[in-house]
PDB file of N, CA and C in Angstrom:
ATOM      1  N   MET A   1      40.936  12.260  12.874  1.00  0.00           N
ATOM      2  CA  MET A   1      41.941  12.633  13.837  1.00  0.00           C
ATOM      3  C   MET A   1      41.550  12.193  15.235  1.00  0.00           C
ATOM      4  N   GLY A   2      40.314  12.448  15.593  1.00  0.00           N
ATOM      5  CA  GLY A   2      39.879  12.093  16.930  1.00  0.00           C
ATOM      6  C   GLY A   2      39.378  10.673  17.020  1.00  0.00           C
ATOM      7  N   GLY A   3      39.058  10.075  15.860  1.00  0.00           N
ATOM      8  CA  GLY A   3      38.542   8.720  15.881  1.00  0.00           C
ATOM      9  C   GLY A   3      37.053   8.701  16.170  1.00  0.00           C
ATOM     10  N   GLY A   4      36.484   7.553  16.105  1.00  0.00           N
ATOM     11  CA  GLY A   4      35.055   7.397  16.343  1.00  0.00           C
ATOM     12  C   GLY A   4      34.755   7.141  17.802  1.00  0.00           C
ATOM     13  N   LYS A   5      33.468   7.078  18.116  1.00  0.00           N
ATOM     14  CA  LYS A   5      33.064   6.788  19.491  1.00  0.00           C
ATOM     15  C   LYS A   5      33.368   5.349  19.820  1.00  0.00           C
ATOM     16  N   LYS A   6      33.630   5.105  21.074  1.00  0.00           N
ATOM     17  CA  LYS A   6      33.875   3.750  21.533  1.00  0.00           C
ATOM     18  C   LYS A   6      32.541   3.009  21.569  1.00  0.00           C
ATOM     19  N   LYS A   7      32.545   1.761  21.147  1.00  0.00           N
ATOM     20  CA  LYS A   7      31.337   0.955  21.109  1.00  0.00           C
ATOM     21  C   LYS A   7      30.924   0.586  22.528  1.00  0.00           C
ATOM     22  N   LYS A   8      29.600   0.737  22.811  1.00  0.00           N
ATOM     23  CA  LYS A   8      29.103   0.413  24.139  1.00  0.00           C
ATOM     24  C   LYS A   8      28.973  -1.094  24.300  1.00  0.00           C
ATOM     25  N   SER A   9      29.067  -1.542  25.556  1.00  0.00           N
ATOM     26  CA  SER A   9      28.838  -2.952  25.831  1.00  0.00           C
ATOM     27  C   SER A   9      27.333  -3.222  25.801  1.00  0.00           C
ATOM     28  N   ILE A  10      26.969  -4.483  25.816  1.00  0.00           N
ATOM     29  CA  ILE A  10      25.552  -4.861  25.731  1.00  0.00           C
ATOM     30  C   ILE A  10      24.768  -4.321  26.919  1.00  0.00           C
ATOM     31  N   THR A  11      25.308  -4.407  28.110  1.00  0.00           N
ATOM     32  CA  THR A  11      24.587  -3.910  29.284  1.00  0.00           C
ATOM     33  C   THR A  11      24.438  -2.396  29.235  1.00  0.00           C
ATOM     34  N   GLN A  12      25.453  -1.700  28.733  1.00  0.00           N
ATOM     35  CA  GLN A  12      25.354  -0.247  28.617  1.00  0.00           C
ATOM     36  C   GLN A  12      24.280   0.143  27.594  1.00  0.00           C
ATOM     37  N   MET A  13      24.205  -0.607  26.492  1.00  0.00           N
ATOM     38  CA  MET A  13      23.175  -0.318  25.486  1.00  0.00           C
ATOM     39  C   MET A  13      21.778  -0.591  26.050  1.00  0.00           C
ATOM     40  N   ALA A  14      21.633  -1.650  26.825  1.00  0.00           N
ATOM     41  CA  ALA A  14      20.334  -1.985  27.411  1.00  0.00           C
ATOM     42  C   ALA A  14      19.897  -0.897  28.393  1.00  0.00           C
ATOM     43  N   LYS A  15      20.817  -0.420  29.213  1.00  0.00           N
ATOM     44  CA  LYS A  15      20.488   0.638  30.172  1.00  0.00           C
ATOM     45  C   LYS A  15      20.081   1.922  29.457  1.00  0.00           C
ATOM     46  N   SER A  16      20.821   2.297  28.424  1.00  0.00           N
ATOM     47  CA  SER A  16      20.486   3.530  27.711  1.00  0.00           C
ATOM     48  C   SER A  16      19.150   3.391  26.982  1.00  0.00           C
ATOM     49  N   GLN A  17      18.833   2.194  26.512  1.00  0.00           N
ATOM     50  CA  GLN A  17      17.549   1.972  25.859  1.00  0.00           C
ATOM     51  C   GLN A  17      16.399   2.093  26.857  1.00  0.00           C
ATOM     52  N   GLU A  18      16.578   1.565  28.073  1.00  0.00           N
ATOM     53  CA  GLU A  18      15.553   1.686  29.107  1.00  0.00           C
ATOM     54  C   GLU A  18      15.317   3.143  29.470  1.00  0.00           C
ATOM     55  N   ILE A  19      16.379   3.908  29.562  1.00  0.00           N
ATOM     56  CA  ILE A  19      16.266   5.333  29.898  1.00  0.00           C
ATOM     57  C   ILE A  19      15.501   6.058  28.793  1.00  0.00           C
ATOM     58  N   GLU A  20      15.797   5.760  27.525  1.00  0.00           N
ATOM     59  CA  GLU A  20      15.091   6.397  26.409  1.00  0.00           C
ATOM     60  C   GLU A  20      13.612   6.033  26.405  1.00  0.00           C
ATOM     61  N   GLU A  21      13.290   4.785  26.729  1.00  0.00           N
ATOM     62  CA  GLU A  21      11.892   4.371  26.781  1.00  0.00           C
ATOM     63  C   GLU A  21      11.145   5.101  27.883  1.00  0.00           C
ATOM     64  N   ARG A  22      11.788   5.307  29.005  1.00  0.00           N
ATOM     65  CA  ARG A  22      11.147   6.042  30.108  1.00  0.00           C
ATOM     66  C   ARG A  22      10.897   7.487  29.725  1.00  0.00           C
ATOM     67  N   LYS A  23      11.820   8.082  28.973  1.00  0.00           N
ATOM     68  CA  LYS A  23      11.668   9.481  28.568  1.00  0.00           C
ATOM     69  C   LYS A  23      10.509   9.647  27.592  1.00  0.00           C
ATOM     70  N   THR A  24      10.372   8.726  26.648  1.00  0.00           N
ATOM     71  CA  THR A  24       9.335   8.863  25.624  1.00  0.00           C
ATOM     72  C   THR A  24       7.974   8.388  26.098  1.00  0.00           C
ATOM     73  N   GLN A  25       7.932   7.559  27.131  1.00  0.00           N
ATOM     74  CA  GLN A  25       6.673   7.023  27.632  1.00  0.00           C
ATOM     75  C   GLN A  25       5.988   8.034  28.552  1.00  0.00           C
ATOM     76  N   PRO A  26       4.682   8.322  28.336  1.00  0.00           N
ATOM     77  CA  PRO A  26       3.973   9.231  29.226  1.00  0.00           C
ATOM     78  C   PRO A  26       3.862   8.641  30.637  1.00  0.00           C
ATOM     79  N   ARG A  27       3.774   9.521  31.609  1.00  0.00           N
ATOM     80  CA  ARG A  27       3.694   9.081  33.004  1.00  0.00           C
ATOM     81  C   ARG A  27       2.397   8.322  33.254  1.00  0.00           C
ATOM     82  N   GLY A  28       2.471   7.275  34.078  1.00  0.00           N
ATOM     83  CA  GLY A  28       1.290   6.532  34.469  1.00  0.00           C
ATOM     84  C   GLY A  28       0.874   5.457  33.487  1.00  0.00           C
ATOM     85  N   LYS A  29       1.570   5.323  32.404  1.00  0.00           N
ATOM     86  CA  LYS A  29       1.226   4.287  31.422  1.00  0.00           C
ATOM     87  C   LYS A  29       2.230   3.156  31.533  1.00  0.00           C
ATOM     88  N   SER A  30       1.748   1.934  31.368  1.00  0.00           N
ATOM     89  CA  SER A  30       2.644   0.791  31.422  1.00  0.00           C
ATOM     90  C   SER A  30       3.056   0.406  30.010  1.00  0.00           C
ATOM     91  N   SER A  31       4.243  -0.154  29.914  1.00  0.00           N
ATOM     92  CA  SER A  31       4.685  -0.599  28.604  1.00  0.00           C
ATOM     93  C   SER A  31       4.080  -1.960  28.320  1.00  0.00           C
ATOM     94  N   GLY A  32       3.842  -2.241  27.061  1.00  0.00           N
ATOM     95  CA  GLY A  32       3.242  -3.508  26.693  1.00  0.00           C
ATOM     96  C   GLY A  32       2.511  -3.403  25.384  1.00  0.00           C
ATOM     97  N   PRO A  33       1.618  -4.337  25.127  1.00  0.00           N
ATOM     98  CA  PRO A  33       0.936  -4.350  23.841  1.00  0.00           C
ATOM     99  C   PRO A  33       0.021  -3.154  23.612  1.00  0.00           C
ATOM    100  N   SER A  34      -0.452  -2.520  24.678  1.00  0.00           N
ATOM    101  CA  SER A  34      -1.353  -1.390  24.506  1.00  0.00           C
ATOM    102  C   SER A  34      -0.636  -0.180  23.914  1.00  0.00           C
ATOM    103  N   SER A  35       0.679  -0.075  24.115  1.00  0.00           N
ATOM    104  CA  SER A  35       1.404   1.076  23.597  1.00  0.00           C
ATOM    105  C   SER A  35       1.641   0.955  22.092  1.00  0.00           C
ATOM    106  N   THR A  36       1.596  -0.250  21.542  1.00  0.00           N
ATOM    107  CA  THR A  36       1.804  -0.416  20.110  1.00  0.00           C
ATOM    108  C   THR A  36       0.535  -0.182  19.311  1.00  0.00           C
ATOM    109  N   SER A  37      -0.610  -0.033  19.951  1.00  0.00           N
ATOM    110  CA  SER A  37      -1.860   0.161  19.229  1.00  0.00           C
ATOM    111  C   SER A  37      -1.930   1.540  18.584  1.00  0.00           C
ATOM    112  N   SER A  38      -1.071   2.469  18.992  1.00  0.00           N
ATOM    113  CA  SER A  38      -1.094   3.799  18.420  1.00  0.00           C
ATOM    114  C   SER A  38      -0.417   3.847  17.058  1.00  0.00           C
ATOM    115  N   THR A  39       0.342   2.820  16.698  1.00  0.00           N
ATOM    116  CA  THR A  39       0.988   2.812  15.393  1.00  0.00           C
ATOM    117  C   THR A  39      -0.040   2.544  14.315  1.00  0.00           C
ATOM    118  N   ALA A  40       0.280   2.947  13.104  1.00  0.00           N
ATOM    119  CA  ALA A  40      -0.648   2.777  11.994  1.00  0.00           C
ATOM    120  C   ALA A  40      -0.833   1.300  11.678  1.00  0.00           C
ATOM    121  N   GLU A  41      -2.091   0.933  11.441  1.00  0.00           N
ATOM    122  CA  GLU A  41      -2.381  -0.453  11.128  1.00  0.00           C
ATOM    123  C   GLU A  41      -2.070  -0.718   9.663  1.00  0.00           C
ATOM    124  N   LYS A  42      -1.579  -1.902   9.376  1.00  0.00           N
ATOM    125  CA  LYS A  42      -1.236  -2.260   8.018  1.00  0.00           C
ATOM    126  C   LYS A  42      -2.505  -2.650   7.270  1.00  0.00           C
ATOM    127  N   ARG A  43      -2.666  -2.088   6.082  1.00  0.00           N
ATOM    128  CA  ARG A  43      -3.847  -2.340   5.283  1.00  0.00           C
ATOM    129  C   ARG A  43      -3.653  -3.640   4.508  1.00  0.00           C
ATOM    130  N   ILE A  44      -4.620  -4.529   4.605  1.00  0.00           N
ATOM    131  CA  ILE A  44      -4.544  -5.798   3.909  1.00  0.00           C
ATOM    132  C   ILE A  44      -5.145  -5.612   2.523  1.00  0.00           C
ATOM    133  N   THR A  45      -4.387  -5.965   1.509  1.00  0.00           N
ATOM    134  CA  THR A  45      -4.853  -5.786   0.148  1.00  0.00           C
ATOM    135  C   THR A  45      -5.220  -7.121  -0.458  1.00  0.00           C
ATOM    136  N   GLY A  46      -6.124  -7.066  -1.422  1.00  0.00           N
ATOM    137  CA  GLY A  46      -6.613  -8.281  -2.050  1.00  0.00           C
ATOM    138  C   GLY A  46      -5.579  -8.926  -2.956  1.00  0.00           C
ATOM    139  N   ILE A  47      -5.583 -10.243  -2.995  1.00  0.00           N
ATOM    140  CA  ILE A  47      -4.640 -10.980  -3.817  1.00  0.00           C
ATOM    141  C   ILE A  47      -5.336 -11.551  -5.054  1.00  0.00           C
ATOM    142  N   THR A  48      -6.600 -11.860  -4.967  1.00  0.00           N
ATOM    143  CA  THR A  48      -7.310 -12.463  -6.083  1.00  0.00           C
ATOM    144  C   THR A  48      -7.865 -11.397  -7.015  1.00  0.00           C
ATOM    145  N   VAL A  49      -7.965 -11.748  -8.291  1.00  0.00           N
ATOM    146  CA  VAL A  49      -8.497 -10.821  -9.294  1.00  0.00           C
ATOM    147  C   VAL A  49     -10.006 -10.747  -9.121  1.00  0.00           C
ATOM    148  N   PRO A  50     -10.562  -9.535  -9.011  1.00  0.00           N
ATOM    149  CA  PRO A  50     -12.016  -9.411  -8.831  1.00  0.00           C
ATOM    150  C   PRO A  50     -12.764  -9.735 -10.126  1.00  0.00           C
ATOM    151  N   ASN A  51     -14.053  -9.985  -9.989  1.00  0.00           N
ATOM    152  CA  ASN A  51     -14.912 -10.278 -11.130  1.00  0.00           C
ATOM    153  C   ASN A  51     -15.196  -8.975 -11.883  1.00  0.00           C
ATOM    154  N   PRO A  52     -14.845  -8.880 -13.162  1.00  0.00           N
ATOM    155  CA  PRO A  52     -15.067  -7.628 -13.896  1.00  0.00           C
ATOM    156  C   PRO A  52     -16.541  -7.328 -14.156  1.00  0.00           C
ATOM    157  N   ARG A  53     -17.412  -8.316 -14.024  1.00  0.00           N
ATOM    158  CA  ARG A  53     -18.843  -8.101 -14.263  1.00  0.00           C
ATOM    159  C   ARG A  53     -19.591  -7.689 -13.001  1.00  0.00           C
ATOM    160  N   ASP A  54     -18.879  -7.523 -11.895  1.00  0.00           N
ATOM    161  CA  ASP A  54     -19.498  -7.104 -10.641  1.00  0.00           C
ATOM    162  C   ASP A  54     -19.983  -5.656 -10.771  1.00  0.00           C
ATOM    163  N   LYS A  55     -21.196  -5.380 -10.309  1.00  0.00           N
ATOM    164  CA  LYS A  55     -21.796  -4.042 -10.457  1.00  0.00           C
ATOM    165  C   LYS A  55     -20.987  -2.972  -9.725  1.00  0.00           C
ATOM    166  N   LYS A  56     -20.473  -3.312  -8.559  1.00  0.00           N
ATOM    167  CA  LYS A  56     -19.691  -2.341  -7.782  1.00  0.00           C
ATOM    168  C   LYS A  56     -18.419  -1.956  -8.530  1.00  0.00           C
ATOM    169  N   ILE A  57     -17.767  -2.924  -9.111  1.00  0.00           N
ATOM    170  CA  ILE A  57     -16.528  -2.658  -9.846  1.00  0.00           C
ATOM    171  C   ILE A  57     -16.827  -1.889 -11.121  1.00  0.00           C
ATOM    172  N   GLU A  58     -17.929  -2.217 -11.786  1.00  0.00           N
ATOM    173  CA  GLU A  58     -18.315  -1.473 -12.991  1.00  0.00           C
ATOM    174  C   GLU A  58     -18.550   0.000 -12.684  1.00  0.00           C
ATOM    175  N   LYS A  59     -19.203   0.280 -11.555  1.00  0.00           N
ATOM    176  CA  LYS A  59     -19.445   1.678 -11.162  1.00  0.00           C
ATOM    177  C   LYS A  59     -18.142   2.411 -10.877  1.00  0.00           C
ATOM    178  N   GLU A  60     -17.218   1.726 -10.196  1.00  0.00           N
ATOM    179  CA  GLU A  60     -15.918   2.337  -9.892  1.00  0.00           C
ATOM    180  C   GLU A  60     -15.173   2.668 -11.174  1.00  0.00           C
ATOM    181  N   LEU A  61     -15.206   1.742 -12.137  1.00  0.00           N
ATOM    182  CA  LEU A  61     -14.491   1.961 -13.391  1.00  0.00           C
ATOM    183  C   LEU A  61     -15.120   3.088 -14.201  1.00  0.00           C
ATOM    184  N   GLN A  62     -16.447   3.207 -14.161  1.00  0.00           N
ATOM    185  CA  GLN A  62     -17.114   4.263 -14.914  1.00  0.00           C
ATOM    186  C   GLN A  62     -16.830   5.644 -14.338  1.00  0.00           C
ATOM    187  N   GLY A  63     -16.509   5.707 -13.069  1.00  0.00           N
ATOM    188  CA  GLY A  63     -16.219   6.991 -12.438  1.00  0.00           C
ATOM    189  C   GLY A  63     -14.811   7.489 -12.686  1.00  0.00           C
ATOM    190  N   MET A  64     -13.988   6.687 -13.343  1.00  0.00           N
ATOM    191  CA  MET A  64     -12.596   7.062 -13.578  1.00  0.00           C
ATOM    192  C   MET A  64     -12.395   7.450 -15.045  1.00  0.00           C
ATOM    193  N   LYS A  65     -11.694   8.552 -15.280  1.00  0.00           N
ATOM    194  CA  LYS A  65     -11.431   8.992 -16.651  1.00  0.00           C
ATOM    195  C   LYS A  65     -10.406   8.093 -17.327  1.00  0.00           C
ATOM    196  N   VAL A  66      -9.297   7.864 -16.636  1.00  0.00           N
ATOM    197  CA  VAL A  66      -8.276   6.961 -17.157  1.00  0.00           C
ATOM    198  C   VAL A  66      -8.003   5.888 -16.109  1.00  0.00           C
ATOM    199  N   LEU A  67      -7.551   4.755 -16.573  1.00  0.00           N
ATOM    200  CA  LEU A  67      -7.272   3.627 -15.687  1.00  0.00           C
ATOM    201  C   LEU A  67      -5.784   3.319 -15.745  1.00  0.00           C
ATOM    202  N   THR A  68      -5.147   3.395 -14.615  1.00  0.00           N
ATOM    203  CA  THR A  68      -3.760   2.967 -14.489  1.00  0.00           C
ATOM    204  C   THR A  68      -3.720   1.890 -13.408  1.00  0.00           C
ATOM    205  N   PRO A  69      -2.709   1.060 -13.416  1.00  0.00           N
ATOM    206  CA  PRO A  69      -2.636   0.045 -12.367  1.00  0.00           C
ATOM    207  C   PRO A  69      -2.648   0.642 -10.959  1.00  0.00           C
ATOM    208  N   TYR A  70      -1.967   1.763 -10.780  1.00  0.00           N
ATOM    209  CA  TYR A  70      -1.919   2.374  -9.443  1.00  0.00           C
ATOM    210  C   TYR A  70      -3.283   2.906  -9.025  1.00  0.00           C
ATOM    211  N   SER A  71      -3.967   3.600  -9.920  1.00  0.00           N
ATOM    212  CA  SER A  71      -5.277   4.162  -9.556  1.00  0.00           C
ATOM    213  C   SER A  71      -6.285   3.058  -9.272  1.00  0.00           C
ATOM    214  N   LEU A  72      -6.212   1.987 -10.047  1.00  0.00           N
ATOM    215  CA  LEU A  72      -7.119   0.863  -9.835  1.00  0.00           C
ATOM    216  C   LEU A  72      -6.810   0.153  -8.520  1.00  0.00           C
ATOM    217  N   ALA A  73      -5.520  -0.009  -8.226  1.00  0.00           N
ATOM    218  CA  ALA A  73      -5.121  -0.685  -6.988  1.00  0.00           C
ATOM    219  C   ALA A  73      -5.564   0.108  -5.770  1.00  0.00           C
ATOM    220  N   SER A  74      -5.447   1.414  -5.819  1.00  0.00           N
ATOM    221  CA  SER A  74      -5.840   2.215  -4.662  1.00  0.00           C
ATOM    222  C   SER A  74      -7.357   2.312  -4.533  1.00  0.00           C
ATOM    223  N   ARG A  75      -8.089   2.345  -5.628  1.00  0.00           N
ATOM    224  CA  ARG A  75      -9.551   2.420  -5.575  1.00  0.00           C
ATOM    225  C   ARG A  75     -10.179   1.121  -5.093  1.00  0.00           C
ATOM    226  N   LEU A  76      -9.680  -0.018  -5.608  1.00  0.00           N
ATOM    227  CA  LEU A  76     -10.293  -1.311  -5.307  1.00  0.00           C
ATOM    228  C   LEU A  76      -9.574  -2.070  -4.205  1.00  0.00           C
ATOM    229  N   ASN A  77      -8.578  -1.455  -3.601  1.00  0.00           N
ATOM    230  CA  ASN A  77      -7.820  -2.060  -2.506  1.00  0.00           C
ATOM    231  C   ASN A  77      -7.182  -3.380  -2.960  1.00  0.00           C
ATOM    232  N   LEU A  78      -6.435  -3.298  -4.057  1.00  0.00           N
ATOM    233  CA  LEU A  78      -5.748  -4.457  -4.626  1.00  0.00           C
ATOM    234  C   LEU A  78      -4.247  -4.244  -4.589  1.00  0.00           C
ATOM    235  N   ARG A  79      -3.515  -5.332  -4.780  1.00  0.00           N
ATOM    236  CA  ARG A  79      -2.075  -5.207  -4.978  1.00  0.00           C
ATOM    237  C   ARG A  79      -1.833  -4.695  -6.393  1.00  0.00           C
ATOM    238  N   LEU A  80      -0.696  -4.052  -6.579  1.00  0.00           N
ATOM    239  CA  LEU A  80      -0.385  -3.459  -7.871  1.00  0.00           C
ATOM    240  C   LEU A  80      -0.278  -4.517  -8.961  1.00  0.00           C
ATOM    241  N   SER A  81       0.322  -5.641  -8.659  1.00  0.00           N
ATOM    242  CA  SER A  81       0.453  -6.705  -9.658  1.00  0.00           C
ATOM    243  C   SER A  81      -0.911  -7.271 -10.036  1.00  0.00           C
ATOM    244  N   VAL A  82      -1.812  -7.379  -9.072  1.00  0.00           N
ATOM    245  CA  VAL A  82      -3.155  -7.879  -9.349  1.00  0.00           C
ATOM    246  C   VAL A  82      -3.922  -6.864 -10.196  1.00  0.00           C
ATOM    247  N   ALA A  83      -3.743  -5.594  -9.920  1.00  0.00           N
ATOM    248  CA  ALA A  83      -4.413  -4.558 -10.704  1.00  0.00           C
ATOM    249  C   ALA A  83      -3.917  -4.573 -12.147  1.00  0.00           C
ATOM    250  N   ARG A  84      -2.611  -4.794 -12.332  1.00  0.00           N
ATOM    251  CA  ARG A  84      -2.039  -4.889 -13.674  1.00  0.00           C
ATOM    252  C   ARG A  84      -2.662  -6.064 -14.440  1.00  0.00           C
ATOM    253  N   ASP A  85      -2.743  -7.215 -13.792  1.00  0.00           N
ATOM    254  CA  ASP A  85      -3.343  -8.393 -14.418  1.00  0.00           C
ATOM    255  C   ASP A  85      -4.826  -8.165 -14.717  1.00  0.00           C
ATOM    256  N   PHE A  86      -5.505  -7.488 -13.804  1.00  0.00           N
ATOM    257  CA  PHE A  86      -6.933  -7.203 -13.978  1.00  0.00           C
ATOM    258  C   PHE A  86      -7.167  -6.308 -15.200  1.00  0.00           C
ATOM    259  N   LEU A  87      -6.328  -5.288 -15.376  1.00  0.00           N
ATOM    260  CA  LEU A  87      -6.475  -4.404 -16.528  1.00  0.00           C
ATOM    261  C   LEU A  87      -6.190  -5.153 -17.832  1.00  0.00           C
ATOM    262  N   GLU A  88      -5.219  -6.045 -17.824  1.00  0.00           N
ATOM    263  CA  GLU A  88      -4.931  -6.829 -19.024  1.00  0.00           C
ATOM    264  C   GLU A  88      -6.105  -7.752 -19.364  1.00  0.00           C
ATOM    265  N   GLU A  89      -6.719  -8.312 -18.338  1.00  0.00           N
ATOM    266  CA  GLU A  89      -7.887  -9.167 -18.555  1.00  0.00           C
ATOM    267  C   GLU A  89      -9.064  -8.357 -19.094  1.00  0.00           C
ATOM    268  N   LEU A  90      -9.266  -7.151 -18.574  1.00  0.00           N
ATOM    269  CA  LEU A  90     -10.331  -6.284 -19.080  1.00  0.00           C
ATOM    270  C   LEU A  90     -10.090  -5.912 -20.535  1.00  0.00           C
ATOM    271  N   GLN A  91      -8.816  -5.746 -20.899  1.00  0.00           N
ATOM    272  CA  GLN A  91      -8.491  -5.418 -22.285  1.00  0.00           C
ATOM    273  C   GLN A  91      -8.794  -6.608 -23.199  1.00  0.00           C
ATOM    274  N   ARG A  92      -8.483  -7.816 -22.753  1.00  0.00           N
ATOM    275  CA  ARG A  92      -8.774  -9.012 -23.543  1.00  0.00           C
ATOM    276  C   ARG A  92     -10.277  -9.183 -23.749  1.00  0.00           C
ATOM    277  N   GLN A  93     -11.068  -8.807 -22.736  1.00  0.00           N
ATOM    278  CA  GLN A  93     -12.518  -8.933 -22.837  1.00  0.00           C
ATOM    279  C   GLN A  93     -13.145  -7.789 -23.634  1.00  0.00           C
ATOM    280  N   GLY A  94     -12.366  -6.741 -23.908  1.00  0.00           N
ATOM    281  CA  GLY A  94     -12.864  -5.627 -24.695  1.00  0.00           C
ATOM    282  C   GLY A  94     -13.564  -4.562 -23.876  1.00  0.00           C
ATOM    283  N   LEU A  95     -13.440  -4.601 -22.554  1.00  0.00           N
ATOM    284  CA  LEU A  95     -14.094  -3.608 -21.708  1.00  0.00           C
ATOM    285  C   LEU A  95     -13.287  -2.316 -21.606  1.00  0.00           C
ATOM    286  N   VAL A  96     -11.976  -2.402 -21.755  1.00  0.00           N
ATOM    287  CA  VAL A  96     -11.124  -1.218 -21.739  1.00  0.00           C
ATOM    288  C   VAL A  96     -10.240  -1.243 -22.979  1.00  0.00           C
ATOM    289  N   THR A  97      -9.777  -0.056 -23.374  1.00  0.00           N
ATOM    290  CA  THR A  97      -8.872   0.033 -24.510  1.00  0.00           C
ATOM    291  C   THR A  97      -7.556   0.623 -24.049  1.00  0.00           C
ATOM    292  N   PHE A  98      -6.475   0.148 -24.653  1.00  0.00           N
ATOM    293  CA  PHE A  98      -5.136   0.624 -24.332  1.00  0.00           C
ATOM    294  C   PHE A  98      -4.932   1.984 -24.975  1.00  0.00           C
ATOM    295  N   VAL A  99      -4.438   2.955 -24.178  1.00  0.00           N
ATOM    296  CA  VAL A  99      -4.233   4.303 -24.680  1.00  0.00           C
ATOM    297  C   VAL A  99      -2.755   4.548 -24.945  1.00  0.00           C
ATOM    298  N   SER A 100      -1.953   4.372 -23.912  1.00  0.00           N
ATOM    299  CA  SER A 100      -0.543   4.718 -24.017  1.00  0.00           C
ATOM    300  C   SER A 100       0.228   4.004 -22.930  1.00  0.00           C
ATOM    301  N   SER A 101       1.543   3.986 -23.082  1.00  0.00           N
ATOM    302  CA  SER A 101       2.372   3.445 -22.012  1.00  0.00           C
ATOM    303  C   SER A 101       3.561   4.366 -21.820  1.00  0.00           C
ATOM    304  N   GLY A 102       3.910   4.538 -20.581  1.00  0.00           N
ATOM    305  CA  GLY A 102       5.055   5.351 -20.236  1.00  0.00           C
ATOM    306  C   GLY A 102       6.168   4.448 -19.750  1.00  0.00           C
ATOM    307  N   LYS A 103       6.897   4.911 -18.806  1.00  0.00           N
ATOM    308  CA  LYS A 103       8.017   4.161 -18.261  1.00  0.00           C
ATOM    309  C   LYS A 103       7.481   3.101 -17.302  1.00  0.00           C
ATOM    310  N   GLY A 104       7.059   1.964 -17.851  1.00  0.00           N
ATOM    311  CA  GLY A 104       6.575   0.874 -17.020  1.00  0.00           C
ATOM    312  C   GLY A 104       5.121   0.982 -16.613  1.00  0.00           C
ATOM    313  N   THR A 105       4.423   2.043 -17.010  1.00  0.00           N
ATOM    314  CA  THR A 105       3.022   2.212 -16.640  1.00  0.00           C
ATOM    315  C   THR A 105       2.173   2.252 -17.892  1.00  0.00           C
ATOM    316  N   LYS A 106       1.132   1.449 -17.919  1.00  0.00           N
ATOM    317  CA  LYS A 106       0.201   1.444 -19.037  1.00  0.00           C
ATOM    318  C   LYS A 106      -1.049   2.228 -18.655  1.00  0.00           C
ATOM    319  N   ILE A 107      -1.582   2.940 -19.628  1.00  0.00           N
ATOM    320  CA  ILE A 107      -2.769   3.762 -19.396  1.00  0.00           C
ATOM    321  C   ILE A 107      -3.894   3.215 -20.272  1.00  0.00           C
ATOM    322  N   TYR A 108      -5.055   3.010 -19.643  1.00  0.00           N
ATOM    323  CA  TYR A 108      -6.226   2.483 -20.328  1.00  0.00           C
ATOM    324  C   TYR A 108      -7.382   3.456 -20.144  1.00  0.00           C
ATOM    325  N   LYS A 109      -8.415   3.291 -20.970  1.00  0.00           N
ATOM    326  CA  LYS A 109      -9.673   4.010 -20.759  1.00  0.00           C
ATOM    327  C   LYS A 109     -10.800   3.037 -21.035  1.00  0.00           C
ATOM    328  N   LEU A 110     -11.968   3.363 -20.535  1.00  0.00           N
ATOM    329  CA  LEU A 110     -13.131   2.504 -20.759  1.00  0.00           C
ATOM    330  C   LEU A 110     -13.466   2.469 -22.234  1.00  0.00           C
ATOM    331  N   ALA A 111     -13.845   1.310 -22.717  1.00  0.00           N
ATOM    332  CA  ALA A 111     -14.248   1.174 -24.113  1.00  0.00           C
ATOM    333  C   ALA A 111     -15.582   1.848 -24.306  1.00  0.00           C
ATOM    334  N   ALA A 112     -15.796   2.401 -25.478  1.00  0.00           N
ATOM    335  CA  ALA A 112     -17.057   3.069 -25.774  1.00  0.00           C
ATOM    336  C   ALA A 112     -18.171   2.034 -25.753  1.00  0.00           C
ATOM    337  N   SER A 113     -19.141   2.258 -24.871  1.00  0.00           N
ATOM    338  CA  SER A 113     -20.256   1.322 -24.761  1.00  0.00           C
ATOM    339  C   SER A 113     -21.356   1.721 -25.736  1.00  0.00           C
ATOM    340  N   SER A 114     -21.943   0.717 -26.386  1.00  0.00           N
ATOM    341  CA  SER A 114     -22.993   1.023 -27.342  1.00  0.00           C
ATOM    342  C   SER A 114     -24.347   0.622 -26.844  1.00  0.00           C
TER     343      SER A 114
END
């Protein structure tokens, strides 16, 4: 019945944006690259498949009861697709055994070492 708000012109939007920036900015601080340092830094994840015979990776795997792509990716700082490929490679080598699969997620456990 009343209709929507009238669209602001470009100069009006720029002025309102400047006013909002002044309100949110603490006094005495200048705007620039230093103000963006407070945002969370993006974590760089590995793209290459790690060596399964590496001692550090073996220790990490032994400390886990079950292995899922997500748990492996978060522990070893890998991408999810790389973790999935890594678990499949470990299964081919006989280091892990397949337990179960749910909706798109496979669950593995360490193979019994003799």
